[in-house]
PDB file of all heavy atoms in Angstrom:
ATOM      1  N   ASN A   1      27.716  39.167  79.065  1.00  0.00           N
ATOM      2  CA  ASN A   1      28.966  39.355  79.813  1.00  0.00           C
ATOM      3  C   ASN A   1      28.727  40.105  81.123  1.00  0.00           C
ATOM      4  O   ASN A   1      29.349  39.809  82.148  1.00  0.00           O
ATOM      5  CB  ASN A   1      29.982  40.126  78.972  1.00  0.00           C
ATOM      6  CG  ASN A   1      30.533  39.302  77.815  1.00  0.00           C
ATOM      7  OD1 ASN A   1      30.488  38.072  77.848  1.00  0.00           O
ATOM      8  ND2 ASN A   1      31.053  39.961  76.798  1.00  0.00           N
ATOM      9  N   LYS A   2      27.816  41.065  81.096  1.00  0.00           N
ATOM     10  CA  LYS A   2      27.509  41.838  82.302  1.00  0.00           C
ATOM     11  C   LYS A   2      26.958  40.917  83.396  1.00  0.00           C
ATOM     12  O   LYS A   2      27.306  41.042  84.581  1.00  0.00           O
ATOM     13  CB  LYS A   2      26.494  42.938  81.957  1.00  0.00           C
ATOM     14  CG  LYS A   2      26.413  44.072  82.955  1.00  0.00           C
ATOM     15  CD  LYS A   2      25.513  45.192  82.452  1.00  0.00           C
ATOM     16  CE  LYS A   2      26.115  45.891  81.248  1.00  0.00           C
ATOM     17  NZ  LYS A   2      25.286  47.054  80.815  1.00  0.00           N
ATOM     18  N   ALA A   3      26.107  39.975  82.990  1.00  0.00           N
ATOM     19  CA  ALA A   3      25.510  39.051  83.959  1.00  0.00           C
ATOM     20  C   ALA A   3      26.516  37.995  84.420  1.00  0.00           C
ATOM     21  O   ALA A   3      26.596  37.686  85.618  1.00  0.00           O
ATOM     22  CB  ALA A   3      24.287  38.377  83.346  1.00  0.00           C
ATOM     23  N   THR A   4      27.287  37.447  83.497  1.00  0.00           N
ATOM     24  CA  THR A   4      28.204  36.366  83.879  1.00  0.00           C
ATOM     25  C   THR A   4      29.383  36.879  84.696  1.00  0.00           C
ATOM     26  O   THR A   4      29.990  36.113  85.441  1.00  0.00           O
ATOM     27  CB  THR A   4      28.717  35.595  82.645  1.00  0.00           C
ATOM     28  OG1 THR A   4      29.366  36.503  81.739  1.00  0.00           O
ATOM     29  CG2 THR A   4      27.572  34.881  81.926  1.00  0.00           C
ATOM     30  N   ARG A   5      29.697  38.163  84.595  1.00  0.00           N
ATOM     31  CA  ARG A   5      30.746  38.728  85.462  1.00  0.00           C
ATOM     32  C   ARG A   5      30.329  38.669  86.926  1.00  0.00           C
ATOM     33  O   ARG A   5      31.183  38.643  87.811  1.00  0.00           O
ATOM     34  CB  ARG A   5      31.042  40.183  85.056  1.00  0.00           C
ATOM     35  CG  ARG A   5      31.910  40.325  83.820  1.00  0.00           C
ATOM     36  CD  ARG A   5      32.095  41.778  83.439  1.00  0.00           C
ATOM     37  NE  ARG A   5      32.478  41.910  82.031  1.00  0.00           N
ATOM     38  CZ  ARG A   5      32.129  42.933  81.262  1.00  0.00           C
ATOM     39  NH1 ARG A   5      31.397  43.928  81.759  1.00  0.00           N
ATOM     40  NH2 ARG A   5      32.506  42.981  80.006  1.00  0.00           N
ATOM     41  N   ARG A   6      29.028  38.661  87.174  1.00  0.00           N
ATOM     42  CA  ARG A   6      28.514  38.529  88.542  1.00  0.00           C
ATOM     43  C   ARG A   6      28.323  37.058  88.902  1.00  0.00           C
ATOM     44  O   ARG A   6      28.553  36.656  90.036  1.00  0.00           O
ATOM     45  CB  ARG A   6      27.190  39.291  88.673  1.00  0.00           C
ATOM     46  CG  ARG A   6      27.353  40.802  88.588  1.00  0.00           C
ATOM     47  CD  ARG A   6      26.022  41.538  88.392  1.00  0.00           C
ATOM     48  NE  ARG A   6      24.995  41.094  89.328  1.00  0.00           N
ATOM     49  CZ  ARG A   6      23.818  40.592  88.956  1.00  0.00           C
ATOM     50  NH1 ARG A   6      23.530  40.465  87.680  1.00  0.00           N
ATOM     51  NH2 ARG A   6      22.934  40.228  89.864  1.00  0.00           N
ATOM     52  N   LEU A   7      27.878  36.271  87.928  1.00  0.00           N
ATOM     53  CA  LEU A   7      27.563  34.861  88.192  1.00  0.00           C
ATOM     54  C   LEU A   7      28.803  33.982  88.353  1.00  0.00           C
ATOM     55  O   LEU A   7      28.906  33.207  89.333  1.00  0.00           O
ATOM     56  CB  LEU A   7      26.691  34.306  87.062  1.00  0.00           C
ATOM     57  CG  LEU A   7      26.414  32.796  87.088  1.00  0.00           C
ATOM     58  CD1 LEU A   7      25.596  32.409  88.315  1.00  0.00           C
ATOM     59  CD2 LEU A   7      25.703  32.370  85.794  1.00  0.00           C
ATOM     60  N   PHE A   8      29.746  34.062  87.419  1.00  0.00           N
ATOM     61  CA  PHE A   8      30.851  33.095  87.391  1.00  0.00           C
ATOM     62  C   PHE A   8      31.765  33.130  88.624  1.00  0.00           C
ATOM     63  O   PHE A   8      32.245  32.070  89.049  1.00  0.00           O
ATOM     64  CB  PHE A   8      31.673  33.254  86.108  1.00  0.00           C
ATOM     65  CG  PHE A   8      30.961  32.779  84.866  1.00  0.00           C
ATOM     66  CD1 PHE A   8      31.339  33.253  83.606  1.00  0.00           C
ATOM     67  CD2 PHE A   8      29.934  31.844  84.931  1.00  0.00           C
ATOM     68  CE1 PHE A   8      30.695  32.815  82.455  1.00  0.00           C
ATOM     69  CE2 PHE A   8      29.284  31.402  83.793  1.00  0.00           C
ATOM     70  CZ  PHE A   8      29.665  31.888  82.552  1.00  0.00           C
ATOM     71  N   PRO A   9      32.037  34.291  89.222  1.00  0.00           N
ATOM     72  CA  PRO A   9      32.856  34.258  90.439  1.00  0.00           C
ATOM     73  C   PRO A   9      32.192  33.489  91.586  1.00  0.00           C
ATOM     74  O   PRO A   9      32.866  33.010  92.490  1.00  0.00           O
ATOM     75  CB  PRO A   9      33.027  35.741  90.796  1.00  0.00           C
ATOM     76  CG  PRO A   9      32.852  36.474  89.501  1.00  0.00           C
ATOM     77  CD  PRO A   9      31.804  35.695  88.777  1.00  0.00           C
ATOM     78  N   VAL A  10      30.875  33.371  91.533  1.00  0.00           N
ATOM     79  CA  VAL A  10      30.118  32.681  92.579  1.00  0.00           C
ATOM     80  C   VAL A  10      29.851  31.226  92.201  1.00  0.00           C
ATOM     81  O   VAL A  10      29.933  30.321  93.037  1.00  0.00           O
ATOM     82  CB  VAL A  10      28.769  33.407  92.829  1.00  0.00           C
ATOM     83  CG1 VAL A  10      27.927  32.656  93.849  1.00  0.00           C
ATOM     84  CG2 VAL A  10      29.019  34.834  93.275  1.00  0.00           C
ATOM     85  N   ALA A  11      29.534  30.996  90.925  1.00  0.00           N
ATOM     86  CA  ALA A  11      29.186  29.648  90.461  1.00  0.00           C
ATOM     87  C   ALA A  11      29.597  29.482  89.005  1.00  0.00           C
ATOM     88  O   ALA A  11      28.984  30.088  88.127  1.00  0.00           O
ATOM     89  CB  ALA A  11      27.682  29.410  90.618  1.00  0.00           C
ATOM     90  N   ASN A  12      30.643  28.686  88.764  1.00  0.00           N
ATOM     91  CA  ASN A  12      31.091  28.476  87.379  1.00  0.00           C
ATOM     92  C   ASN A  12      31.337  26.999  87.067  1.00  0.00           C
ATOM     93  O   ASN A  12      32.122  26.663  86.181  1.00  0.00           O
ATOM     94  CB  ASN A  12      32.343  29.302  87.069  1.00  0.00           C
ATOM     95  CG  ASN A  12      33.562  28.802  87.825  1.00  0.00           C
ATOM     96  OD1 ASN A  12      33.440  28.082  88.815  1.00  0.00           O
ATOM     97  ND2 ASN A  12      34.742  29.182  87.353  1.00  0.00           N
ATOM     98  N   THR A  13      30.644  26.116  87.815  1.00  0.00           N
ATOM     99  CA  THR A  13      30.653  24.683  87.507  1.00  0.00           C
ATOM    100  C   THR A  13      29.207  24.200  87.562  1.00  0.00           C
ATOM    101  O   THR A  13      28.349  24.849  88.188  1.00  0.00           O
ATOM    102  CB  THR A  13      31.476  23.874  88.521  1.00  0.00           C
ATOM    103  OG1 THR A  13      30.810  23.927  89.805  1.00  0.00           O
ATOM    104  CG2 THR A  13      32.902  24.402  88.650  1.00  0.00           C
ATOM    105  N   PRO A  14      28.899  23.062  86.928  1.00  0.00           N
ATOM    106  CA  PRO A  14      27.519  22.564  86.970  1.00  0.00           C
ATOM    107  C   PRO A  14      27.007  22.373  88.397  1.00  0.00           C
ATOM    108  O   PRO A  14      25.872  22.766  88.705  1.00  0.00           O
ATOM    109  CB  PRO A  14      27.610  21.231  86.217  1.00  0.00           C
ATOM    110  CG  PRO A  14      28.753  21.413  85.273  1.00  0.00           C
ATOM    111  CD  PRO A  14      29.737  22.256  86.017  1.00  0.00           C
ATOM    112  N   GLN A  15      27.835  21.812  89.274  1.00  0.00           N
ATOM    113  CA  GLN A  15      27.381  21.576  90.649  1.00  0.00           C
ATOM    114  C   GLN A  15      27.142  22.887  91.387  1.00  0.00           C
ATOM    115  O   GLN A  15      26.171  23.026  92.150  1.00  0.00           O
ATOM    116  CB  GLN A  15      28.392  20.714  91.409  1.00  0.00           C
ATOM    117  CG  GLN A  15      27.904  20.270  92.796  1.00  0.00           C
ATOM    118  CD  GLN A  15      26.617  19.457  92.725  1.00  0.00           C
ATOM    119  OE1 GLN A  15      26.571  18.418  92.066  1.00  0.00           O
ATOM    120  NE2 GLN A  15      25.560  19.930  93.388  1.00  0.00           N
ATOM    121  N   ALA A  16      28.003  23.859  91.159  1.00  0.00           N
ATOM    122  CA  ALA A  16      27.842  25.158  91.830  1.00  0.00           C
ATOM    123  C   ALA A  16      26.564  25.862  91.375  1.00  0.00           C
ATOM    124  O   ALA A  16      25.884  26.515  92.183  1.00  0.00           O
ATOM    125  CB  ALA A  16      29.058  26.047  91.560  1.00  0.00           C
ATOM    126  N   ILE A  17      26.228  25.722  90.093  1.00  0.00           N
ATOM    127  CA  ILE A  17      24.972  26.300  89.598  1.00  0.00           C
ATOM    128  C   ILE A  17      23.787  25.603  90.262  1.00  0.00           C
ATOM    129  O   ILE A  17      22.829  26.243  90.713  1.00  0.00           O
ATOM    130  CB  ILE A  17      24.863  26.163  88.065  1.00  0.00           C
ATOM    131  CG1 ILE A  17      25.954  26.992  87.352  1.00  0.00           C
ATOM    132  CG2 ILE A  17      23.466  26.565  87.574  1.00  0.00           C
ATOM    133  CD1 ILE A  17      25.737  28.471  87.305  1.00  0.00           C
ATOM    134  N   LEU A  18      23.849  24.270  90.343  1.00  0.00           N
ATOM    135  CA  LEU A  18      22.772  23.520  91.006  1.00  0.00           C
ATOM    136  C   LEU A  18      22.620  23.955  92.467  1.00  0.00           C
ATOM    137  O   LEU A  18      21.507  24.073  92.981  1.00  0.00           O
ATOM    138  CB  LEU A  18      23.047  22.014  90.924  1.00  0.00           C
ATOM    139  CG  LEU A  18      22.928  21.375  89.536  1.00  0.00           C
ATOM    140  CD1 LEU A  18      23.392  19.920  89.582  1.00  0.00           C
ATOM    141  CD2 LEU A  18      21.500  21.453  89.021  1.00  0.00           C
ATOM    142  N   ASP A  19      23.742  24.190  93.113  1.00  0.00           N
ATOM    143  CA  ASP A  19      23.709  24.588  94.520  1.00  0.00           C
ATOM    144  C   ASP A  19      23.052  25.958  94.725  1.00  0.00           C
ATOM    145  O   ASP A  19      22.524  26.240  95.804  1.00  0.00           O
ATOM    146  CB  ASP A  19      25.126  24.599  95.106  1.00  0.00           C
ATOM    147  CG  ASP A  19      25.729  23.195  95.231  1.00  0.00           C
ATOM    148  OD1 ASP A  19      24.952  22.217  95.159  1.00  0.00           O
ATOM    149  OD2 ASP A  19      26.960  23.082  95.371  1.00  0.00           O
ATOM    150  N   LEU A  20      23.109  26.800  93.687  1.00  0.00           N
ATOM    151  CA  LEU A  20      22.455  28.107  93.791  1.00  0.00           C
ATOM    152  C   LEU A  20      20.942  27.964  93.891  1.00  0.00           C
ATOM    153  O   LEU A  20      20.277  28.783  94.529  1.00  0.00           O
ATOM    154  CB  LEU A  20      22.756  28.966  92.547  1.00  0.00           C
ATOM    155  CG  LEU A  20      24.074  29.719  92.454  1.00  0.00           C
ATOM    156  CD1 LEU A  20      24.132  30.468  91.134  1.00  0.00           C
ATOM    157  CD2 LEU A  20      24.258  30.672  93.617  1.00  0.00           C
ATOM    158  N   GLY A  21      20.398  26.944  93.221  1.00  0.00           N
ATOM    159  CA  GLY A  21      18.952  26.806  93.132  1.00  0.00           C
ATOM    160  C   GLY A  21      18.407  27.711  92.037  1.00  0.00           C
ATOM    161  O   GLY A  21      19.069  28.669  91.600  1.00  0.00           O
ATOM    162  N   LEU A  22      17.200  27.413  91.578  1.00  0.00           N
ATOM    163  CA  LEU A  22      16.624  28.152  90.453  1.00  0.00           C
ATOM    164  C   LEU A  22      16.470  29.637  90.755  1.00  0.00           C
ATOM    165  O   LEU A  22      16.873  30.491  89.947  1.00  0.00           O
ATOM    166  CB  LEU A  22      15.269  27.548  90.070  1.00  0.00           C
ATOM    167  CG  LEU A  22      14.571  28.182  88.859  1.00  0.00           C
ATOM    168  CD1 LEU A  22      15.435  28.063  87.612  1.00  0.00           C
ATOM    169  CD2 LEU A  22      13.209  27.538  88.631  1.00  0.00           C
ATOM    170  N   GLU A  23      15.918  29.977  91.909  1.00  0.00           N
ATOM    171  CA  GLU A  23      15.726  31.391  92.239  1.00  0.00           C
ATOM    172  C   GLU A  23      17.053  32.119  92.386  1.00  0.00           C
ATOM    173  O   GLU A  23      17.191  33.275  91.965  1.00  0.00           O
ATOM    174  CB  GLU A  23      14.905  31.533  93.523  1.00  0.00           C
ATOM    175  CG  GLU A  23      13.435  31.222  93.347  1.00  0.00           C
ATOM    176  CD  GLU A  23      12.622  31.572  94.587  1.00  0.00           C
ATOM    177  OE1 GLU A  23      13.144  32.301  95.455  1.00  0.00           O
ATOM    178  OE2 GLU A  23      11.472  31.103  94.671  1.00  0.00           O
ATOM    179  N   GLY A  24      18.028  31.443  92.963  1.00  0.00           N
ATOM    180  CA  GLY A  24      19.348  32.054  93.110  1.00  0.00           C
ATOM    181  C   GLY A  24      19.973  32.355  91.761  1.00  0.00           C
ATOM    182  O   GLY A  24      20.530  33.439  91.547  1.00  0.00           O
ATOM    183  N   LEU A  25      19.849  31.395  90.828  1.00  0.00           N
ATOM    184  CA  LEU A  25      20.389  31.596  89.480  1.00  0.00           C
ATOM    185  C   LEU A  25      19.669  32.741  88.780  1.00  0.00           C
ATOM    186  O   LEU A  25      20.308  33.597  88.155  1.00  0.00           O
ATOM    187  CB  LEU A  25      20.265  30.303  88.675  1.00  0.00           C
ATOM    188  CG  LEU A  25      20.676  30.374  87.200  1.00  0.00           C
ATOM    189  CD1 LEU A  25      22.136  30.804  87.047  1.00  0.00           C
ATOM    190  CD2 LEU A  25      20.446  29.022  86.518  1.00  0.00           C
ATOM    191  N   GLU A  26      18.349  32.774  88.889  1.00  0.00           N
ATOM    192  CA  GLU A  26      17.578  33.837  88.243  1.00  0.00           C
ATOM    193  C   GLU A  26      18.024  35.214  88.724  1.00  0.00           C
ATOM    194  O   GLU A  26      18.063  36.174  87.945  1.00  0.00           O
ATOM    195  CB  GLU A  26      16.084  33.649  88.527  1.00  0.00           C
ATOM    196  CG  GLU A  26      15.450  32.512  87.751  1.00  0.00           C
ATOM    197  CD  GLU A  26      13.970  32.332  88.070  1.00  0.00           C
ATOM    198  OE1 GLU A  26      13.487  33.000  89.020  1.00  0.00           O
ATOM    199  OE2 GLU A  26      13.308  31.536  87.383  1.00  0.00           O
ATOM    200  N   GLY A  27      18.380  35.307  89.994  1.00  0.00           N
ATOM    201  CA  GLY A  27      18.818  36.586  90.540  1.00  0.00           C
ATOM    202  C   GLY A  27      20.063  37.131  89.840  1.00  0.00           C
ATOM    203  O   GLY A  27      20.220  38.351  89.708  1.00  0.00           O
ATOM    204  N   TYR A  28      20.921  36.233  89.369  1.00  0.00           N
ATOM    205  CA  TYR A  28      22.154  36.660  88.699  1.00  0.00           C
ATOM    206  C   TYR A  28      21.942  37.003  87.226  1.00  0.00           C
ATOM    207  O   TYR A  28      22.698  37.791  86.660  1.00  0.00           O
ATOM    208  CB  TYR A  28      23.226  35.575  88.812  1.00  0.00           C
ATOM    209  CG  TYR A  28      23.895  35.522  90.170  1.00  0.00           C
ATOM    210  CD1 TYR A  28      23.521  34.572  91.115  1.00  0.00           C
ATOM    211  CD2 TYR A  28      24.888  36.440  90.517  1.00  0.00           C
ATOM    212  CE1 TYR A  28      24.118  34.519  92.365  1.00  0.00           C
ATOM    213  CE2 TYR A  28      25.497  36.399  91.765  1.00  0.00           C
ATOM    214  CZ  TYR A  28      25.105  35.442  92.684  1.00  0.00           C
ATOM    215  OH  TYR A  28      25.700  35.409  93.927  1.00  0.00           O
TER     216      TYR A  28
END
């Protein structure tokens, strides 16, 4: 929950996650 509170406001759809890129996702 601590991580997804940061991730989901930025990317909470499959396409938005893809747009982050692997390194971007890892950062969250």
